[in-house]
Amino acid sequence: LFTRPANYFVAGFIGSPAMNMLACTVGPEGAEYA
């Protein structure tokens, strides 16, 4: 559960503090955040 969460919800629910979730846009070079 910790190393391979099946989806976004499990990833954010399991772990304390919670996993950082970065909302990225997809560009030519990859996923971009800041």
All heavy atoms as atom14 arrays in JSON, in Angstrom:
{
  "sequence": "LFTRPANYFVAGFIGSPAMNMLACTVGPEGAEYA",
  "atom14_mask": [
    [1, 1, 1, 1, 1, 1, 1, 1, 0, 0, 0, 0, 0, 0],
    [1, 1, 1, 1, 1, 1, 1, 1, 1, 1, 1, 0, 0, 0],
    [1, 1, 1, 1, 1, 1, 1, 0, 0, 0, 0, 0, 0, 0],
    [1, 1, 1, 1, 1, 1, 1, 1, 1, 1, 1, 0, 0, 0],
    [1, 1, 1, 1, 1, 1, 1, 0, 0, 0, 0, 0, 0, 0],
    [1, 1, 1, 1, 1, 0, 0, 0, 0, 0, 0, 0, 0, 0],
    [1, 1, 1, 1, 1, 1, 1, 1, 0, 0, 0, 0, 0, 0],
    [1, 1, 1, 1, 1, 1, 1, 1, 1, 1, 1, 1, 0, 0],
    [1, 1, 1, 1, 1, 1, 1, 1, 1, 1, 1, 0, 0, 0],
    [1, 1, 1, 1, 1, 1, 1, 0, 0, 0, 0, 0, 0, 0],
    [1, 1, 1, 1, 1, 0, 0, 0, 0, 0, 0, 0, 0, 0],
    [1, 1, 1, 1, 0, 0, 0, 0, 0, 0, 0, 0, 0, 0],
    [1, 1, 1, 1, 1, 1, 1, 1, 1, 1, 1, 0, 0, 0],
    [1, 1, 1, 1, 1, 1, 1, 1, 0, 0, 0, 0, 0, 0],
    [1, 1, 1, 1, 0, 0, 0, 0, 0, 0, 0, 0, 0, 0],
    [1, 1, 1, 1, 1, 1, 0, 0, 0, 0, 0, 0, 0, 0],
    [1, 1, 1, 1, 1, 1, 1, 0, 0, 0, 0, 0, 0, 0],
    [1, 1, 1, 1, 1, 0, 0, 0, 0, 0, 0, 0, 0, 0],
    [1, 1, 1, 1, 1, 1, 1, 1, 0, 0, 0, 0, 0, 0],
    [1, 1, 1, 1, 1, 1, 1, 1, 0, 0, 0, 0, 0, 0],
    [1, 1, 1, 1, 1, 1, 1, 1, 0, 0, 0, 0, 0, 0],
    [1, 1, 1, 1, 1, 1, 1, 1, 0, 0, 0, 0, 0, 0],
    [1, 1, 1, 1, 1, 0, 0, 0, 0, 0, 0, 0, 0, 0],
    [1, 1, 1, 1, 1, 1, 0, 0, 0, 0, 0, 0, 0, 0],
    [1, 1, 1, 1, 1, 1, 1, 0, 0, 0, 0, 0, 0, 0],
    [1, 1, 1, 1, 1, 1, 1, 0, 0, 0, 0, 0, 0, 0],
    [1, 1, 1, 1, 0, 0, 0, 0, 0, 0, 0, 0, 0, 0],
    [1, 1, 1, 1, 1, 1, 1, 0, 0, 0, 0, 0, 0, 0],
    [1, 1, 1, 1, 1, 1, 1, 1, 1, 0, 0, 0, 0, 0],
    [1, 1, 1, 1, 0, 0, 0, 0, 0, 0, 0, 0, 0, 0],
    [1, 1, 1, 1, 1, 0, 0, 0, 0, 0, 0, 0, 0, 0],
    [1, 1, 1, 1, 1, 1, 1, 1, 1, 0, 0, 0, 0, 0],
    [1, 1, 1, 1, 1, 1, 1, 1, 1, 1, 1, 1, 0, 0],
    [1, 1, 1, 1, 1, 0, 0, 0, 0, 0, 0, 0, 0, 0]
  ],
  "atom14_positions": [
    [[0.83, -1.2, 0.0], [0.0, 0.0, 0.0], [0.87, 1.25, 0.0], [0.55, 2.25, -0.65], [-0.91, 0.03, 1.23], [-2.17, -0.82, 1.22], [-2.91, -0.63, 2.54], [-3.09, -0.46, 0.06], [0.0, 0.0, 0.0], [0.0, 0.0, 0.0], [0.0, 0.0, 0.0], [0.0, 0.0, 0.0], [0.0, 0.0, 0.0], [0.0, 0.0, 0.0]],
    [[1.96, 1.2, 0.76], [2.82, 2.37, 0.89], [3.66, 2.6, -0.36], [3.82, 3.73, -0.81], [3.73, 2.19, 2.11], [4.49, 3.42, 2.51], [3.9, 4.39, 3.3], [5.8, 3.61, 2.11], [4.59, 5.54, 3.67], [6.51, 4.74, 2.47], [5.89, 5.71, 3.26], [0.0, 0.0, 0.0], [0.0, 0.0, 0.0], [0.0, 0.0, 0.0]],
    [[4.17, 1.5, -0.92], [5.11, 1.65, -2.05], [4.43, 1.65, -3.41], [4.97, 2.2, -4.37], [6.17, 0.54, -2.02], [5.52, -0.75, -2.09], [7.0, 0.6, -0.75], [0.0, 0.0, 0.0], [0.0, 0.0, 0.0], [0.0, 0.0, 0.0], [0.0, 0.0, 0.0], [0.0, 0.0, 0.0], [0.0, 0.0, 0.0], [0.0, 0.0, 0.0]],
    [[3.23, 1.02, -3.52], [2.54, 0.95, -4.81], [1.04, 1.2, -4.63], [0.23, 0.29, -4.85], [2.77, -0.4, -5.48], [4.15, -0.57, -6.08], [4.21, -1.79, -6.98], [3.22, -1.75, -8.06], [3.37, -1.06, -9.18], [4.45, -0.33, -9.39], [2.43, -1.09, -10.11], [0.0, 0.0, 0.0], [0.0, 0.0, 0.0], [0.0, 0.0, 0.0]],
    [[0.66, 2.4, -4.19], [-0.77, 2.69, -4.07], [-1.47, 2.57, -5.42], [-0.94, 3.0, -6.44], [-0.8, 4.12, -3.53], [0.53, 4.71, -3.91], [1.5, 3.56, -3.88], [0.0, 0.0, 0.0], [0.0, 0.0, 0.0], [0.0, 0.0, 0.0], [0.0, 0.0, 0.0], [0.0, 0.0, 0.0], [0.0, 0.0, 0.0], [0.0, 0.0, 0.0]],
    [[-2.67, 1.97, -5.42], [-3.36, 1.67, -6.68], [-3.94, 2.91, -7.35], [-4.15, 2.92, -8.56], [-4.47, 0.65, -6.44], [0.0, 0.0, 0.0], [0.0, 0.0, 0.0], [0.0, 0.0, 0.0], [0.0, 0.0, 0.0], [0.0, 0.0, 0.0], [0.0, 0.0, 0.0], [0.0, 0.0, 0.0], [0.0, 0.0, 0.0], [0.0, 0.0, 0.0]],
    [[-4.24, 3.93, -6.54], [-4.84, 5.13, -7.12], [-4.54, 6.36, -6.28], [-3.88, 6.27, -5.22], [-6.36, 4.94, -7.31], [-7.07, 4.59, -6.02], [-6.75, 5.12, -4.96], [-8.05, 3.7, -6.1], [0.0, 0.0, 0.0], [0.0, 0.0, 0.0], [0.0, 0.0, 0.0], [0.0, 0.0, 0.0], [0.0, 0.0, 0.0], [0.0, 0.0, 0.0]],
    [[-5.01, 7.48, -6.74], [-4.76, 8.78, -6.11], [-5.25, 8.79, -4.68], [-4.57, 9.32, -3.78], [-5.46, 9.85, -6.94], [-5.24, 11.28, -6.48], [-4.25, 12.06, -7.07], [-6.03, 11.86, -5.49], [-4.05, 13.38, -6.67], [-5.83, 13.16, -5.08], [-4.85, 13.92, -5.67], [-4.65, 15.21, -5.27], [0.0, 0.0, 0.0], [0.0, 0.0, 0.0]],
    [[-6.45, 8.22, -4.42], [-7.0, 8.25, -3.07], [-6.13, 7.47, -2.1], [-5.8, 7.97, -1.02], [-8.43, 7.69, -3.06], [-8.99, 7.56, -1.67], [-9.46, 8.68, -1.0], [-9.0, 6.34, -1.0], [-9.95, 8.58, 0.3], [-9.48, 6.23, 0.28], [-9.97, 7.34, 0.94], [0.0, 0.0, 0.0], [0.0, 0.0, 0.0], [0.0, 0.0, 0.0]],
    [[-5.77, 6.26, -2.45], [-4.95, 5.44, -1.55], [-3.61, 6.11, -1.29], [-3.1, 6.14, -0.16], [-4.74, 4.03, -2.13], [-3.8, 3.21, -1.25], [-6.07, 3.31, -2.28], [0.0, 0.0, 0.0], [0.0, 0.0, 0.0], [0.0, 0.0, 0.0], [0.0, 0.0, 0.0], [0.0, 0.0, 0.0], [0.0, 0.0, 0.0], [0.0, 0.0, 0.0]],
    [[-3.02, 6.7, -2.33], [-1.73, 7.38, -2.19], [-1.82, 8.51, -1.17], [-0.91, 8.69, -0.34], [-1.28, 7.93, -3.54], [0.0, 0.0, 0.0], [0.0, 0.0, 0.0], [0.0, 0.0, 0.0], [0.0, 0.0, 0.0], [0.0, 0.0, 0.0], [0.0, 0.0, 0.0], [0.0, 0.0, 0.0], [0.0, 0.0, 0.0], [0.0, 0.0, 0.0]],
    [[-2.9, 9.27, -1.22], [-3.04, 10.4, -0.3], [-3.49, 9.99, 1.09], [-3.24, 10.7, 2.07], [0.0, 0.0, 0.0], [0.0, 0.0, 0.0], [0.0, 0.0, 0.0], [0.0, 0.0, 0.0], [0.0, 0.0, 0.0], [0.0, 0.0, 0.0], [0.0, 0.0, 0.0], [0.0, 0.0, 0.0], [0.0, 0.0, 0.0], [0.0, 0.0, 0.0]],
    [[-4.14, 8.81, 1.19], [-4.68, 8.39, 2.48], [-3.64, 7.67, 3.33], [-3.6, 7.83, 4.55], [-5.89, 7.48, 2.26], [-6.61, 7.13, 3.54], [-7.5, 8.01, 4.12], [-6.37, 5.92, 4.17], [-8.14, 7.71, 5.3], [-7.02, 5.6, 5.35], [-7.9, 6.49, 5.93], [0.0, 0.0, 0.0], [0.0, 0.0, 0.0], [0.0, 0.0, 0.0]],
    [[-2.8, 6.87, 2.69], [-1.82, 6.07, 3.42], [-0.52, 6.83, 3.57], [0.05, 7.3, 2.59], [-1.57, 4.72, 2.7], [-2.84, 3.88, 2.67], [-0.44, 3.96, 3.37], [-3.36, 3.44, 4.01], [0.0, 0.0, 0.0], [0.0, 0.0, 0.0], [0.0, 0.0, 0.0], [0.0, 0.0, 0.0], [0.0, 0.0, 0.0], [0.0, 0.0, 0.0]],
    [[-0.05, 6.93, 4.8], [1.19, 7.65, 5.08], [0.93, 8.86, 5.96], [-0.09, 9.53, 5.82], [0.0, 0.0, 0.0], [0.0, 0.0, 0.0], [0.0, 0.0, 0.0], [0.0, 0.0, 0.0], [0.0, 0.0, 0.0], [0.0, 0.0, 0.0], [0.0, 0.0, 0.0], [0.0, 0.0, 0.0], [0.0, 0.0, 0.0], [0.0, 0.0, 0.0]],
    [[1.85, 9.12, 6.89], [1.7, 10.27, 7.79], [3.07, 10.91, 8.01], [4.0, 10.25, 8.5], [1.11, 9.81, 9.13], [0.92, 10.9, 10.0], [0.0, 0.0, 0.0], [0.0, 0.0, 0.0], [0.0, 0.0, 0.0], [0.0, 0.0, 0.0], [0.0, 0.0, 0.0], [0.0, 0.0, 0.0], [0.0, 0.0, 0.0], [0.0, 0.0, 0.0]],
    [[3.22, 12.19, 7.62], [2.26, 13.04, 6.9], [1.92, 12.45, 5.54], [2.64, 11.59, 5.04], [3.01, 14.37, 6.75], [4.1, 14.35, 7.75], [4.48, 12.91, 7.89], [0.0, 0.0, 0.0], [0.0, 0.0, 0.0], [0.0, 0.0, 0.0], [0.0, 0.0, 0.0], [0.0, 0.0, 0.0], [0.0, 0.0, 0.0], [0.0, 0.0, 0.0]],
    [[0.83, 12.94, 4.98], [0.34, 12.4, 3.71], [1.33, 12.67, 2.58], [2.16, 13.59, 2.64], [-1.01, 13.03, 3.37], [0.0, 0.0, 0.0], [0.0, 0.0, 0.0], [0.0, 0.0, 0.0], [0.0, 0.0, 0.0], [0.0, 0.0, 0.0], [0.0, 0.0, 0.0], [0.0, 0.0, 0.0], [0.0, 0.0, 0.0], [0.0, 0.0, 0.0]],
    [[1.22, 11.84, 1.55], [2.04, 12.03, 0.35], [1.76, 13.42, -0.26], [0.62, 13.87, -0.31], [1.71, 10.94, -0.67], [2.51, 11.01, -1.95], [1.99, 9.79, -3.19], [2.59, 8.27, -2.47], [0.0, 0.0, 0.0], [0.0, 0.0, 0.0], [0.0, 0.0, 0.0], [0.0, 0.0, 0.0], [0.0, 0.0, 0.0], [0.0, 0.0, 0.0]],
    [[2.82, 14.08, -0.71], [2.65, 15.33, -1.45], [2.09, 15.0, -2.83], [2.61, 14.13, -3.53], [3.99, 16.04, -1.61], [4.61, 16.45, -0.29], [4.02, 17.22, 0.45], [5.79, 15.93, 0.0], [0.0, 0.0, 0.0], [0.0, 0.0, 0.0], [0.0, 0.0, 0.0], [0.0, 0.0, 0.0], [0.0, 0.0, 0.0], [0.0, 0.0, 0.0]],
    [[1.01, 15.67, -3.22], [0.4, 15.44, -4.53], [0.52, 16.74, -5.34], [-0.05, 17.77, -4.97], [-1.06, 15.03, -4.39], [-1.27, 13.79, -3.52], [-0.4, 12.31, -4.09], [-1.32, 11.91, -5.56], [0.0, 0.0, 0.0], [0.0, 0.0, 0.0], [0.0, 0.0, 0.0], [0.0, 0.0, 0.0], [0.0, 0.0, 0.0], [0.0, 0.0, 0.0]],
    [[1.25, 16.68, -6.43], [1.5, 17.85, -7.27], [0.65, 17.76, -8.53], [0.76, 16.8, -9.3], [2.98, 17.92, -7.65], [3.99, 17.77, -6.5], [5.42, 17.82, -7.05], [3.78, 18.86, -5.45], [0.0, 0.0, 0.0], [0.0, 0.0, 0.0], [0.0, 0.0, 0.0], [0.0, 0.0, 0.0], [0.0, 0.0, 0.0], [0.0, 0.0, 0.0]],
    [[-0.22, 18.76, -8.72], [-1.08, 18.8, -9.91], [-0.28, 19.4, -11.07], [-0.06, 20.61, -11.14], [-2.32, 19.63, -9.63], [0.0, 0.0, 0.0], [0.0, 0.0, 0.0], [0.0, 0.0, 0.0], [0.0, 0.0, 0.0], [0.0, 0.0, 0.0], [0.0, 0.0, 0.0], [0.0, 0.0, 0.0], [0.0, 0.0, 0.0], [0.0, 0.0, 0.0]],
    [[0.16, 18.54, -11.98], [1.07, 18.95, -13.04], [0.35, 19.05, -14.39], [-0.6, 18.3, -14.65], [2.22, 17.95, -13.18], [3.16, 17.69, -11.67], [0.0, 0.0, 0.0], [0.0, 0.0, 0.0], [0.0, 0.0, 0.0], [0.0, 0.0, 0.0], [0.0, 0.0, 0.0], [0.0, 0.0, 0.0], [0.0, 0.0, 0.0], [0.0, 0.0, 0.0]],
    [[0.84, 19.92, -15.22], [0.37, 19.97, -16.61], [1.38, 19.19, -17.47], [2.57, 19.16, -17.17], [0.27, 21.42, -17.11], [1.54, 22.07, -16.92], [-0.8, 22.18, -16.34], [0.0, 0.0, 0.0], [0.0, 0.0, 0.0], [0.0, 0.0, 0.0], [0.0, 0.0, 0.0], [0.0, 0.0, 0.0], [0.0, 0.0, 0.0], [0.0, 0.0, 0.0]],
    [[0.85, 18.58, -18.53], [1.7, 17.78, -19.4], [2.22, 18.64, -20.55], [1.44, 19.23, -21.3], [0.92, 16.57, -19.96], [1.79, 15.78, -20.94], [0.46, 15.67, -18.82], [0.0, 0.0, 0.0], [0.0, 0.0, 0.0], [0.0, 0.0, 0.0], [0.0, 0.0, 0.0], [0.0, 0.0, 0.0], [0.0, 0.0, 0.0], [0.0, 0.0, 0.0]],
    [[3.55, 18.74, -20.63], [4.17, 19.52, -21.7], [5.1, 18.64, -22.52], [5.21, 17.43, -22.29], [0.0, 0.0, 0.0], [0.0, 0.0, 0.0], [0.0, 0.0, 0.0], [0.0, 0.0, 0.0], [0.0, 0.0, 0.0], [0.0, 0.0, 0.0], [0.0, 0.0, 0.0], [0.0, 0.0, 0.0], [0.0, 0.0, 0.0], [0.0, 0.0, 0.0]],
    [[5.79, 19.23, -23.48], [6.7, 18.46, -24.35], [7.8, 17.74, -23.58], [8.23, 16.65, -23.96], [7.27, 19.51, -25.3], [6.31, 20.65, -25.23], [5.73, 20.64, -23.86], [0.0, 0.0, 0.0], [0.0, 0.0, 0.0], [0.0, 0.0, 0.0], [0.0, 0.0, 0.0], [0.0, 0.0, 0.0], [0.0, 0.0, 0.0], [0.0, 0.0, 0.0]],
    [[8.28, 18.36, -22.5], [9.39, 17.78, -21.74], [8.92, 16.8, -20.67], [9.73, 16.05, -20.11], [10.22, 18.89, -21.08], [10.78, 19.92, -22.05], [11.71, 19.27, -23.07], [12.5, 18.38, -22.66], [11.64, 19.64, -24.26], [0.0, 0.0, 0.0], [0.0, 0.0, 0.0], [0.0, 0.0, 0.0], [0.0, 0.0, 0.0], [0.0, 0.0, 0.0]],
    [[7.63, 16.84, -20.33], [7.12, 15.97, -19.29], [6.08, 16.67, -18.44], [5.42, 17.62, -18.88], [0.0, 0.0, 0.0], [0.0, 0.0, 0.0], [0.0, 0.0, 0.0], [0.0, 0.0, 0.0], [0.0, 0.0, 0.0], [0.0, 0.0, 0.0], [0.0, 0.0, 0.0], [0.0, 0.0, 0.0], [0.0, 0.0, 0.0], [0.0, 0.0, 0.0]],
    [[5.9, 16.19, -17.21], [4.96, 16.8, -16.27], [5.63, 17.99, -15.61], [6.72, 17.86, -15.05], [4.51, 15.77, -15.23], [0.0, 0.0, 0.0], [0.0, 0.0, 0.0], [0.0, 0.0, 0.0], [0.0, 0.0, 0.0], [0.0, 0.0, 0.0], [0.0, 0.0, 0.0], [0.0, 0.0, 0.0], [0.0, 0.0, 0.0], [0.0, 0.0, 0.0]],
    [[4.98, 19.15, -15.67], [5.61, 20.38, -15.19], [4.87, 20.92, -13.96], [3.64, 21.01, -13.95], [5.61, 21.42, -16.3], [6.4, 20.98, -17.53], [6.23, 21.92, -18.71], [5.42, 22.87, -18.59], [6.9, 21.71, -19.74], [0.0, 0.0, 0.0], [0.0, 0.0, 0.0], [0.0, 0.0, 0.0], [0.0, 0.0, 0.0], [0.0, 0.0, 0.0]],
    [[5.65, 21.25, -12.93], [5.1, 21.85, -11.72], [6.11, 22.85, -11.2], [7.23, 22.48, -10.82], [4.82, 20.79, -10.66], [4.12, 21.32, -9.43], [2.73, 21.39, -9.37], [4.85, 21.77, -8.34], [2.08, 21.88, -8.26], [4.21, 22.28, -7.22], [2.83, 22.33, -7.18], [2.19, 22.82, -6.06], [0.0, 0.0, 0.0], [0.0, 0.0, 0.0]],
    [[5.71, 24.13, -11.16], [6.62, 25.2, -10.77], [7.9, 25.06, -11.59], [7.84, 24.97, -12.82], [6.89, 25.14, -9.26], [0.0, 0.0, 0.0], [0.0, 0.0, 0.0], [0.0, 0.0, 0.0], [0.0, 0.0, 0.0], [0.0, 0.0, 0.0], [0.0, 0.0, 0.0], [0.0, 0.0, 0.0], [0.0, 0.0, 0.0], [0.0, 0.0, 0.0]]
  ]
}
